[in-house]
Amino acid sequence: MARFPVNSTQMRIQILRILKDGRIWEVNELYDALAKHFKLKMSEYTRKDPTTKRNSWKQRVRWELVWLRKRKFIKNVRVGHFHITELGKEVLALCESHKKQ
């Protein structure tokens, strides 16, 4: 099975960039915004895992959201709705300042 054209670090940083606007984002909005940012082809966006029969892109995004949430960079407001924490904003600022150097 082919891999997505993005690694975990890129995905996590982009999620934080999207969430930094301060509003609460629904998970379906994040799927679409990330797919658009990373220029996913429709075949990549709709691909199913052969074992679980679940959408591979959505599983990947959910995995990264769990990773960010466990480290307290983002927070669930309610099921399927996220916003960035102060720690997440600090980490994003650190990543972006490091990239400029």
PDB file of N, CA and C in Angstrom:
ATOM      1  N   MET A   1       0.851  -1.183   0.000  1.00  0.00           N
ATOM      2  CA  MET A   1       0.000   0.000   0.000  1.00  0.00           C
ATOM      3  C   MET A   1       0.893   1.241   0.000  1.00  0.00           C
ATOM      4  N   ALA A   2       0.578   2.164  -0.841  1.00  0.00           N
ATOM      5  CA  ALA A   2       1.350   3.405  -0.933  1.00  0.00           C
ATOM      6  C   ALA A   2       1.151   4.267   0.309  1.00  0.00           C
ATOM      7  N   ARG A   3       2.171   5.046   0.606  1.00  0.00           N
ATOM      8  CA  ARG A   3       2.118   5.933   1.770  1.00  0.00           C
ATOM      9  C   ARG A   3       1.597   7.297   1.358  1.00  0.00           C
ATOM     10  N   PHE A   4       1.178   8.066   2.339  1.00  0.00           N
ATOM     11  CA  PHE A   4       0.730   9.428   2.068  1.00  0.00           C
ATOM     12  C   PHE A   4       1.942  10.326   1.849  1.00  0.00           C
ATOM     13  N   PRO A   5       1.791  11.389   1.063  1.00  0.00           N
ATOM     14  CA  PRO A   5       2.933  12.265   0.745  1.00  0.00           C
ATOM     15  C   PRO A   5       3.263  13.254   1.862  1.00  0.00           C
ATOM     16  N   VAL A   6       3.156  12.820   3.107  1.00  0.00           N
ATOM     17  CA  VAL A   6       3.400  13.710   4.240  1.00  0.00           C
ATOM     18  C   VAL A   6       3.848  12.862   5.431  1.00  0.00           C
ATOM     19  N   ASN A   7       4.815  13.376   6.197  1.00  0.00           N
ATOM     20  CA  ASN A   7       5.240  12.625   7.378  1.00  0.00           C
ATOM     21  C   ASN A   7       4.511  13.139   8.620  1.00  0.00           C
ATOM     22  N   SER A   8       4.690  12.450   9.723  1.00  0.00           N
ATOM     23  CA  SER A   8       3.956  12.781  10.953  1.00  0.00           C
ATOM     24  C   SER A   8       4.264  14.181  11.459  1.00  0.00           C
ATOM     25  N   THR A   9       5.521  14.585  11.411  1.00  0.00           N
ATOM     26  CA  THR A   9       5.895  15.915  11.905  1.00  0.00           C
ATOM     27  C   THR A   9       5.212  17.004  11.099  1.00  0.00           C
ATOM     28  N   GLN A  10       5.234  16.869   9.774  1.00  0.00           N
ATOM     29  CA  GLN A  10       4.565  17.853   8.917  1.00  0.00           C
ATOM     30  C   GLN A  10       3.070  17.918   9.225  1.00  0.00           C
ATOM     31  N   MET A  11       2.471  16.763   9.413  1.00  0.00           N
ATOM     32  CA  MET A  11       1.035  16.693   9.697  1.00  0.00           C
ATOM     33  C   MET A  11       0.727  17.368  11.036  1.00  0.00           C
ATOM     34  N   ARG A  12       1.508  17.085  12.048  1.00  0.00           N
ATOM     35  CA  ARG A  12       1.261  17.659  13.379  1.00  0.00           C
ATOM     36  C   ARG A  12       1.416  19.175  13.364  1.00  0.00           C
ATOM     37  N   ILE A  13       2.466  19.662  12.714  1.00  0.00           N
ATOM     38  CA  ILE A  13       2.682  21.110  12.650  1.00  0.00           C
ATOM     39  C   ILE A  13       1.542  21.777  11.892  1.00  0.00           C
ATOM     40  N   GLN A  14       1.090  21.161  10.801  1.00  0.00           N
ATOM     41  CA  GLN A  14      -0.002  21.752  10.031  1.00  0.00           C
ATOM     42  C   GLN A  14      -1.305  21.753  10.823  1.00  0.00           C
ATOM     43  N   ILE A  15      -1.563  20.720  11.594  1.00  0.00           N
ATOM     44  CA  ILE A  15      -2.761  20.703  12.448  1.00  0.00           C
ATOM     45  C   ILE A  15      -2.698  21.874  13.423  1.00  0.00           C
ATOM     46  N   LEU A  16      -1.544  22.081  14.043  1.00  0.00           N
ATOM     47  CA  LEU A  16      -1.406  23.204  14.981  1.00  0.00           C
ATOM     48  C   LEU A  16      -1.571  24.543  14.268  1.00  0.00           C
ATOM     49  N   ARG A  17      -1.048  24.654  13.049  1.00  0.00           N
ATOM     50  CA  ARG A  17      -1.226  25.902  12.283  1.00  0.00           C
ATOM     51  C   ARG A  17      -2.696  26.171  12.001  1.00  0.00           C
ATOM     52  N   ILE A  18      -3.423  25.138  11.639  1.00  0.00           N
ATOM     53  CA  ILE A  18      -4.858  25.300  11.362  1.00  0.00           C
ATOM     54  C   ILE A  18      -5.593  25.720  12.627  1.00  0.00           C
ATOM     55  N   LEU A  19      -5.265  25.084  13.739  1.00  0.00           N
ATOM     56  CA  LEU A  19      -5.980  25.345  14.989  1.00  0.00           C
ATOM     57  C   LEU A  19      -5.576  26.657  15.660  1.00  0.00           C
ATOM     58  N   LYS A  20      -4.461  27.261  15.239  1.00  0.00           N
ATOM     59  CA  LYS A  20      -3.977  28.454  15.939  1.00  0.00           C
ATOM     60  C   LYS A  20      -4.897  29.666  15.783  1.00  0.00           C
ATOM     61  N   ASP A  21      -5.878  29.600  14.894  1.00  0.00           N
ATOM     62  CA  ASP A  21      -6.800  30.732  14.731  1.00  0.00           C
ATOM     63  C   ASP A  21      -7.706  30.913  15.953  1.00  0.00           C
ATOM     64  N   GLY A  22      -7.690  29.928  16.858  1.00  0.00           N
ATOM     65  CA  GLY A  22      -8.418  30.079  18.112  1.00  0.00           C
ATOM     66  C   GLY A  22      -9.842  29.554  18.100  1.00  0.00           C
ATOM     67  N   ARG A  23     -10.375  29.259  16.934  1.00  0.00           N
ATOM     68  CA  ARG A  23     -11.743  28.749  16.907  1.00  0.00           C
ATOM     69  C   ARG A  23     -11.748  27.242  17.110  1.00  0.00           C
ATOM     70  N   ILE A  24     -12.894  26.704  17.403  1.00  0.00           N
ATOM     71  CA  ILE A  24     -13.046  25.266  17.588  1.00  0.00           C
ATOM     72  C   ILE A  24     -13.273  24.634  16.213  1.00  0.00           C
ATOM     73  N   TRP A  25     -12.461  23.658  15.882  1.00  0.00           N
ATOM     74  CA  TRP A  25     -12.544  22.978  14.594  1.00  0.00           C
ATOM     75  C   TRP A  25     -13.167  21.600  14.760  1.00  0.00           C
ATOM     76  N   GLU A  26     -14.049  21.262  13.845  1.00  0.00           N
ATOM     77  CA  GLU A  26     -14.641  19.931  13.811  1.00  0.00           C
ATOM     78  C   GLU A  26     -13.691  19.009  13.054  1.00  0.00           C
ATOM     79  N   VAL A  27     -13.651  17.749  13.421  1.00  0.00           N
ATOM     80  CA  VAL A  27     -12.710  16.804  12.821  1.00  0.00           C
ATOM     81  C   VAL A  27     -12.909  16.697  11.307  1.00  0.00           C
ATOM     82  N   ASN A  28     -14.136  16.754  10.816  1.00  0.00           N
ATOM     83  CA  ASN A  28     -14.365  16.670   9.366  1.00  0.00           C
ATOM     84  C   ASN A  28     -13.767  17.872   8.634  1.00  0.00           C
ATOM     85  N   GLU A  29     -13.789  19.034   9.269  1.00  0.00           N
ATOM     86  CA  GLU A  29     -13.152  20.217   8.686  1.00  0.00           C
ATOM     87  C   GLU A  29     -11.639  20.022   8.599  1.00  0.00           C
ATOM     88  N   LEU A  30     -11.074  19.394   9.618  1.00  0.00           N
ATOM     89  CA  LEU A  30      -9.635  19.139   9.628  1.00  0.00           C
ATOM     90  C   LEU A  30      -9.231  18.155   8.532  1.00  0.00           C
ATOM     91  N   TYR A  31     -10.028  17.096   8.333  1.00  0.00           N
ATOM     92  CA  TYR A  31      -9.732  16.145   7.255  1.00  0.00           C
ATOM     93  C   TYR A  31      -9.584  16.887   5.934  1.00  0.00           C
ATOM     94  N   ASP A  32     -10.575  17.730   5.639  1.00  0.00           N
ATOM     95  CA  ASP A  32     -10.601  18.440   4.359  1.00  0.00           C
ATOM     96  C   ASP A  32      -9.493  19.485   4.252  1.00  0.00           C
ATOM     97  N   ALA A  33      -9.285  20.256   5.322  1.00  0.00           N
ATOM     98  CA  ALA A  33      -8.261  21.310   5.295  1.00  0.00           C
ATOM     99  C   ALA A  33      -6.869  20.710   5.115  1.00  0.00           C
ATOM    100  N   LEU A  34      -6.596  19.604   5.791  1.00  0.00           N
ATOM    101  CA  LEU A  34      -5.293  18.958   5.668  1.00  0.00           C
ATOM    102  C   LEU A  34      -5.109  18.343   4.282  1.00  0.00           C
ATOM    103  N   ALA A  35      -6.149  17.706   3.779  1.00  0.00           N
ATOM    104  CA  ALA A  35      -6.067  17.107   2.439  1.00  0.00           C
ATOM    105  C   ALA A  35      -5.811  18.185   1.390  1.00  0.00           C
ATOM    106  N   LYS A  36      -6.469  19.318   1.547  1.00  0.00           N
ATOM    107  CA  LYS A  36      -6.269  20.418   0.599  1.00  0.00           C
ATOM    108  C   LYS A  36      -4.845  20.970   0.718  1.00  0.00           C
ATOM    109  N   HIS A  37      -4.376  21.166   1.938  1.00  0.00           N
ATOM    110  CA  HIS A  37      -3.025  21.698   2.143  1.00  0.00           C
ATOM    111  C   HIS A  37      -1.959  20.783   1.536  1.00  0.00           C
ATOM    112  N   PHE A  38      -2.100  19.472   1.772  1.00  0.00           N
ATOM    113  CA  PHE A  38      -1.103  18.524   1.286  1.00  0.00           C
ATOM    114  C   PHE A  38      -1.386  18.037  -0.141  1.00  0.00           C
ATOM    115  N   LYS A  39      -2.401  18.632  -0.775  1.00  0.00           N
ATOM    116  CA  LYS A  39      -2.741  18.335  -2.173  1.00  0.00           C
ATOM    117  C   LYS A  39      -2.931  16.839  -2.414  1.00  0.00           C
ATOM    118  N   LEU A  40      -3.749  16.218  -1.552  1.00  0.00           N
ATOM    119  CA  LEU A  40      -4.037  14.803  -1.718  1.00  0.00           C
ATOM    120  C   LEU A  40      -4.888  14.576  -2.958  1.00  0.00           C
ATOM    121  N   LYS A  41      -4.598  13.513  -3.655  1.00  0.00           N
ATOM    122  CA  LYS A  41      -5.440  13.103  -4.777  1.00  0.00           C
ATOM    123  C   LYS A  41      -6.698  12.472  -4.198  1.00  0.00           C
ATOM    124  N   MET A  42      -7.757  12.462  -4.972  1.00  0.00           N
ATOM    125  CA  MET A  42      -9.012  11.871  -4.500  1.00  0.00           C
ATOM    126  C   MET A  42      -8.812  10.395  -4.142  1.00  0.00           C
ATOM    127  N   SER A  43      -7.968   9.708  -4.893  1.00  0.00           N
ATOM    128  CA  SER A  43      -7.730   8.291  -4.593  1.00  0.00           C
ATOM    129  C   SER A  43      -7.039   8.113  -3.233  1.00  0.00           C
ATOM    130  N   GLU A  44      -6.171   9.054  -2.860  1.00  0.00           N
ATOM    131  CA  GLU A  44      -5.519   8.991  -1.550  1.00  0.00           C
ATOM    132  C   GLU A  44      -6.506   9.341  -0.437  1.00  0.00           C
ATOM    133  N   TYR A  45      -7.359  10.312  -0.712  1.00  0.00           N
ATOM    134  CA  TYR A  45      -8.329  10.778   0.286  1.00  0.00           C
ATOM    135  C   TYR A  45      -9.387   9.706   0.588  1.00  0.00           C
ATOM    136  N   THR A  46      -9.730   8.915  -0.392  1.00  0.00           N
ATOM    137  CA  THR A  46     -10.814   7.936  -0.212  1.00  0.00           C
ATOM    138  C   THR A  46     -10.328   6.503  -0.035  1.00  0.00           C
ATOM    139  N   ARG A  47      -9.011   6.289  -0.059  1.00  0.00           N
ATOM    140  CA  ARG A  47      -8.459   4.937   0.048  1.00  0.00           C
ATOM    141  C   ARG A  47      -8.882   4.257   1.347  1.00  0.00           C
ATOM    142  N   LYS A  48      -9.205   2.982   1.247  1.00  0.00           N
ATOM    143  CA  LYS A  48      -9.608   2.190   2.415  1.00  0.00           C
ATOM    144  C   LYS A  48      -8.482   1.249   2.820  1.00  0.00           C
ATOM    145  N   ASP A  49      -8.346   1.041   4.111  1.00  0.00           N
ATOM    146  CA  ASP A  49      -7.403   0.060   4.624  1.00  0.00           C
ATOM    147  C   ASP A  49      -7.952  -1.322   4.272  1.00  0.00           C
ATOM    148  N   PRO A  50      -7.146  -2.200   3.677  1.00  0.00           N
ATOM    149  CA  PRO A  50      -7.666  -3.508   3.259  1.00  0.00           C
ATOM    150  C   PRO A  50      -8.105  -4.396   4.418  1.00  0.00           C
ATOM    151  N   THR A  51      -7.504  -4.222   5.574  1.00  0.00           N
ATOM    152  CA  THR A  51      -7.849  -5.059   6.718  1.00  0.00           C
ATOM    153  C   THR A  51      -9.103  -4.566   7.434  1.00  0.00           C
ATOM    154  N   THR A  52      -9.100  -3.276   7.799  1.00  0.00           N
ATOM    155  CA  THR A  52     -10.205  -2.742   8.606  1.00  0.00           C
ATOM    156  C   THR A  52     -11.341  -2.172   7.779  1.00  0.00           C
ATOM    157  N   LYS A  53     -11.086  -1.918   6.491  1.00  0.00           N
ATOM    158  CA  LYS A  53     -12.071  -1.315   5.581  1.00  0.00           C
ATOM    159  C   LYS A  53     -12.432   0.118   5.969  1.00  0.00           C
ATOM    160  N   ARG A  54     -11.577   0.757   6.774  1.00  0.00           N
ATOM    161  CA  ARG A  54     -11.796   2.148   7.171  1.00  0.00           C
ATOM    162  C   ARG A  54     -10.985   3.073   6.278  1.00  0.00           C
ATOM    163  N   ASN A  55     -11.407   4.316   6.213  1.00  0.00           N
ATOM    164  CA  ASN A  55     -10.714   5.314   5.406  1.00  0.00           C
ATOM    165  C   ASN A  55      -9.319   5.561   5.992  1.00  0.00           C
ATOM    166  N   SER A  56      -8.291   5.324   5.178  1.00  0.00           N
ATOM    167  CA  SER A  56      -6.907   5.429   5.647  1.00  0.00           C
ATOM    168  C   SER A  56      -6.518   6.856   6.014  1.00  0.00           C
ATOM    169  N   TRP A  57      -6.978   7.846   5.229  1.00  0.00           N
ATOM    170  CA  TRP A  57      -6.644   9.248   5.505  1.00  0.00           C
ATOM    171  C   TRP A  57      -7.232   9.677   6.837  1.00  0.00           C
ATOM    172  N   LYS A  58      -8.481   9.350   7.064  1.00  0.00           N
ATOM    173  CA  LYS A  58      -9.130   9.750   8.319  1.00  0.00           C
ATOM    174  C   LYS A  58      -8.480   9.061   9.512  1.00  0.00           C
ATOM    175  N   GLN A  59      -8.097   7.798   9.343  1.00  0.00           N
ATOM    176  CA  GLN A  59      -7.393   7.105  10.419  1.00  0.00           C
ATOM    177  C   GLN A  59      -6.068   7.801  10.737  1.00  0.00           C
ATOM    178  N   ARG A  60      -5.367   8.207   9.696  1.00  0.00           N
ATOM    179  CA  ARG A  60      -4.075   8.877   9.874  1.00  0.00           C
ATOM    180  C   ARG A  60      -4.245  10.201  10.616  1.00  0.00           C
ATOM    181  N   VAL A  61      -5.226  10.999  10.215  1.00  0.00           N
ATOM    182  CA  VAL A  61      -5.479  12.285  10.874  1.00  0.00           C
ATOM    183  C   VAL A  61      -5.884  12.052  12.330  1.00  0.00           C
ATOM    184  N   ARG A  62      -6.760  11.089  12.562  1.00  0.00           N
ATOM    185  CA  ARG A  62      -7.180  10.800  13.947  1.00  0.00           C
ATOM    186  C   ARG A  62      -5.991  10.384  14.799  1.00  0.00           C
ATOM    187  N   TRP A  63      -5.086   9.597  14.241  1.00  0.00           N
ATOM    188  CA  TRP A  63      -3.895   9.169  14.973  1.00  0.00           C
ATOM    189  C   TRP A  63      -3.071  10.385  15.399  1.00  0.00           C
ATOM    190  N   GLU A  64      -2.875  11.320  14.481  1.00  0.00           N
ATOM    191  CA  GLU A  64      -2.087  12.518  14.795  1.00  0.00           C
ATOM    192  C   GLU A  64      -2.813  13.397  15.814  1.00  0.00           C
ATOM    193  N   LEU A  65      -4.126  13.472  15.736  1.00  0.00           N
ATOM    194  CA  LEU A  65      -4.896  14.236  16.726  1.00  0.00           C
ATOM    195  C   LEU A  65      -4.742  13.625  18.120  1.00  0.00           C
ATOM    196  N   VAL A  66      -4.775  12.299  18.188  1.00  0.00           N
ATOM    197  CA  VAL A  66      -4.584  11.618  19.479  1.00  0.00           C
ATOM    198  C   VAL A  66      -3.185  11.918  20.020  1.00  0.00           C
ATOM    199  N   TRP A  67      -2.178  11.864  19.145  1.00  0.00           N
ATOM    200  CA  TRP A  67      -0.800  12.142  19.556  1.00  0.00           C
ATOM    201  C   TRP A  67      -0.694  13.546  20.129  1.00  0.00           C
ATOM    202  N   LEU A  68      -1.280  14.534  19.443  1.00  0.00           N
ATOM    203  CA  LEU A  68      -1.235  15.927  19.913  1.00  0.00           C
ATOM    204  C   LEU A  68      -2.024  16.111  21.204  1.00  0.00           C
ATOM    205  N   ARG A  69      -3.154  15.433  21.312  1.00  0.00           N
ATOM    206  CA  ARG A  69      -3.993  15.571  22.505  1.00  0.00           C
ATOM    207  C   ARG A  69      -3.314  14.959  23.725  1.00  0.00           C
ATOM    208  N   LYS A  70      -2.673  13.812  23.560  1.00  0.00           N
ATOM    209  CA  LYS A  70      -1.995  13.164  24.690  1.00  0.00           C
ATOM    210  C   LYS A  70      -0.846  14.010  25.230  1.00  0.00           C
ATOM    211  N   ARG A  71      -0.263  14.848  24.391  1.00  0.00           N
ATOM    212  CA  ARG A  71       0.823  15.725  24.818  1.00  0.00           C
ATOM    213  C   ARG A  71       0.319  17.110  25.219  1.00  0.00           C
ATOM    214  N   LYS A  72      -0.996  17.244  25.240  1.00  0.00           N
ATOM    215  CA  LYS A  72      -1.688  18.460  25.687  1.00  0.00           C
ATOM    216  C   LYS A  72      -1.430  19.675  24.788  1.00  0.00           C
ATOM    217  N   PHE A  73      -1.149  19.437  23.497  1.00  0.00           N
ATOM    218  CA  PHE A  73      -0.986  20.521  22.531  1.00  0.00           C
ATOM    219  C   PHE A  73      -2.340  20.974  21.989  1.00  0.00           C
ATOM    220  N   ILE A  74      -3.301  20.056  21.998  1.00  0.00           N
ATOM    221  CA  ILE A  74      -4.670  20.388  21.608  1.00  0.00           C
ATOM    222  C   ILE A  74      -5.605  19.804  22.652  1.00  0.00           C
ATOM    223  N   LYS A  75      -6.845  20.239  22.611  1.00  0.00           N
ATOM    224  CA  LYS A  75      -7.817  19.786  23.592  1.00  0.00           C
ATOM    225  C   LYS A  75      -9.145  19.510  22.896  1.00  0.00           C
ATOM    226  N   ASN A  76      -9.812  18.447  23.343  1.00  0.00           N
ATOM    227  CA  ASN A  76     -11.166  18.165  22.878  1.00  0.00           C
ATOM    228  C   ASN A  76     -12.132  19.058  23.637  1.00  0.00           C
ATOM    229  N   VAL A  77     -12.937  19.818  22.930  1.00  0.00           N
ATOM    230  CA  VAL A  77     -13.978  20.611  23.574  1.00  0.00           C
ATOM    231  C   VAL A  77     -15.178  19.711  23.821  1.00  0.00           C
ATOM    232  N   ARG A  78     -15.494  18.922  22.800  1.00  0.00           N
ATOM    233  CA  ARG A  78     -16.496  17.861  22.877  1.00  0.00           C
ATOM    234  C   ARG A  78     -16.082  16.849  21.821  1.00  0.00           C
ATOM    235  N   VAL A  79     -16.785  15.761  21.714  1.00  0.00           N
ATOM    236  CA  VAL A  79     -16.395  14.707  20.785  1.00  0.00           C
ATOM    237  C   VAL A  79     -16.264  15.257  19.365  1.00  0.00           C
ATOM    238  N   GLY A  80     -15.089  15.060  18.774  1.00  0.00           N
ATOM    239  CA  GLY A  80     -14.857  15.466  17.395  1.00  0.00           C
ATOM    240  C   GLY A  80     -14.629  16.948  17.179  1.00  0.00           C
ATOM    241  N   HIS A  81     -14.402  17.724  18.239  1.00  0.00           N
ATOM    242  CA  HIS A  81     -14.173  19.165  18.141  1.00  0.00           C
ATOM    243  C   HIS A  81     -12.922  19.520  18.936  1.00  0.00           C
ATOM    244  N   PHE A  82     -11.998  20.227  18.291  1.00  0.00           N
ATOM    245  CA  PHE A  82     -10.693  20.490  18.881  1.00  0.00           C
ATOM    246  C   PHE A  82     -10.340  21.968  18.859  1.00  0.00           C
ATOM    247  N   HIS A  83      -9.489  22.352  19.801  1.00  0.00           N
ATOM    248  CA  HIS A  83      -8.854  23.671  19.754  1.00  0.00           C
ATOM    249  C   HIS A  83      -7.456  23.559  20.330  1.00  0.00           C
ATOM    250  N   ILE A  84      -6.615  24.518  19.983  1.00  0.00           N
ATOM    251  CA  ILE A  84      -5.220  24.507  20.404  1.00  0.00           C
ATOM    252  C   ILE A  84      -5.112  25.030  21.841  1.00  0.00           C
ATOM    253  N   THR A  85      -4.163  24.488  22.591  1.00  0.00           N
ATOM    254  CA  THR A  85      -3.909  24.956  23.954  1.00  0.00           C
ATOM    255  C   THR A  85      -2.766  25.974  23.922  1.00  0.00           C
ATOM    256  N   GLU A  86      -2.523  26.606  25.056  1.00  0.00           N
ATOM    257  CA  GLU A  86      -1.395  27.549  25.144  1.00  0.00           C
ATOM    258  C   GLU A  86      -0.072  26.823  24.893  1.00  0.00           C
ATOM    259  N   LEU A  87       0.041  25.614  25.407  1.00  0.00           N
ATOM    260  CA  LEU A  87       1.250  24.825  25.171  1.00  0.00           C
ATOM    261  C   LEU A  87       1.412  24.540  23.679  1.00  0.00           C
ATOM    262  N   GLY A  88       0.317  24.228  23.011  1.00  0.00           N
ATOM    263  CA  GLY A  88       0.353  23.999  21.570  1.00  0.00           C
ATOM    264  C   GLY A  88       0.796  25.227  20.806  1.00  0.00           C
ATOM    265  N   LYS A  89       0.343  26.399  21.228  1.00  0.00           N
ATOM    266  CA  LYS A  89       0.759  27.654  20.579  1.00  0.00           C
ATOM    267  C   LYS A  89       2.250  27.893  20.777  1.00  0.00           C
ATOM    268  N   GLU A  90       2.752  27.590  21.971  1.00  0.00           N
ATOM    269  CA  GLU A  90       4.172  27.765  22.251  1.00  0.00           C
ATOM    270  C   GLU A  90       5.028  26.812  21.407  1.00  0.00           C
ATOM    271  N   VAL A  91       4.583  25.570  21.303  1.00  0.00           N
ATOM    272  CA  VAL A  91       5.309  24.580  20.502  1.00  0.00           C
ATOM    273  C   VAL A  91       5.309  24.997  19.040  1.00  0.00           C
ATOM    274  N   LEU A  92       4.177  25.451  18.536  1.00  0.00           N
ATOM    275  CA  LEU A  92       4.095  25.902  17.144  1.00  0.00           C
ATOM    276  C   LEU A  92       5.023  27.093  16.904  1.00  0.00           C
ATOM    277  N   ALA A  93       5.042  28.041  17.823  1.00  0.00           N
ATOM    278  CA  ALA A  93       5.933  29.200  17.684  1.00  0.00           C
ATOM    279  C   ALA A  93       7.392  28.747  17.675  1.00  0.00           C
ATOM    280  N   LEU A  94       7.723  27.797  18.503  1.00  0.00           N
ATOM    281  CA  LEU A  94       9.084  27.261  18.545  1.00  0.00           C
ATOM    282  C   LEU A  94       9.441  26.576  17.222  1.00  0.00           C
ATOM    283  N   CYS A  95       8.532  25.785  16.687  1.00  0.00           N
ATOM    284  CA  CYS A  95       8.765  25.103  15.396  1.00  0.00           C
ATOM    285  C   CYS A  95       8.946  26.115  14.283  1.00  0.00           C
ATOM    286  N   GLU A  96       8.119  27.137  14.267  1.00  0.00           N
ATOM    287  CA  GLU A  96       8.192  28.128  13.201  1.00  0.00           C
ATOM    288  C   GLU A  96       9.435  29.006  13.327  1.00  0.00           C
ATOM    289  N   SER A  97       9.867  29.315  14.547  1.00  0.00           N
ATOM    290  CA  SER A  97      11.085  30.107  14.704  1.00  0.00           C
ATOM    291  C   SER A  97      12.312  29.280  14.333  1.00  0.00           C
ATOM    292  N   HIS A  98      12.286  28.006  14.635  1.00  0.00           N
ATOM    293  CA  HIS A  98      13.401  27.130  14.272  1.00  0.00           C
ATOM    294  C   HIS A  98      13.517  26.993  12.753  1.00  0.00           C
ATOM    295  N   LYS A  99      12.397  26.947  12.080  1.00  0.00           N
ATOM    296  CA  LYS A  99      12.376  26.805  10.625  1.00  0.00           C
ATOM    297  C   LYS A  99      12.988  28.016   9.941  1.00  0.00           C
ATOM    298  N   LYS A 100      12.828  29.209  10.528  1.00  0.00           N
ATOM    299  CA  LYS A 100      13.339  30.444   9.941  1.00  0.00           C
ATOM    300  C   LYS A 100      14.863  30.546  10.028  1.00  0.00           C
ATOM    301  N   GLN A 101      15.460  29.848  10.988  1.00  0.00           N
ATOM    302  CA  GLN A 101      16.911  29.955  11.185  1.00  0.00           C
ATOM    303  C   GLN A 101      17.681  29.135  10.193  1.00  0.00           C
TER     304      GLN A 101
END
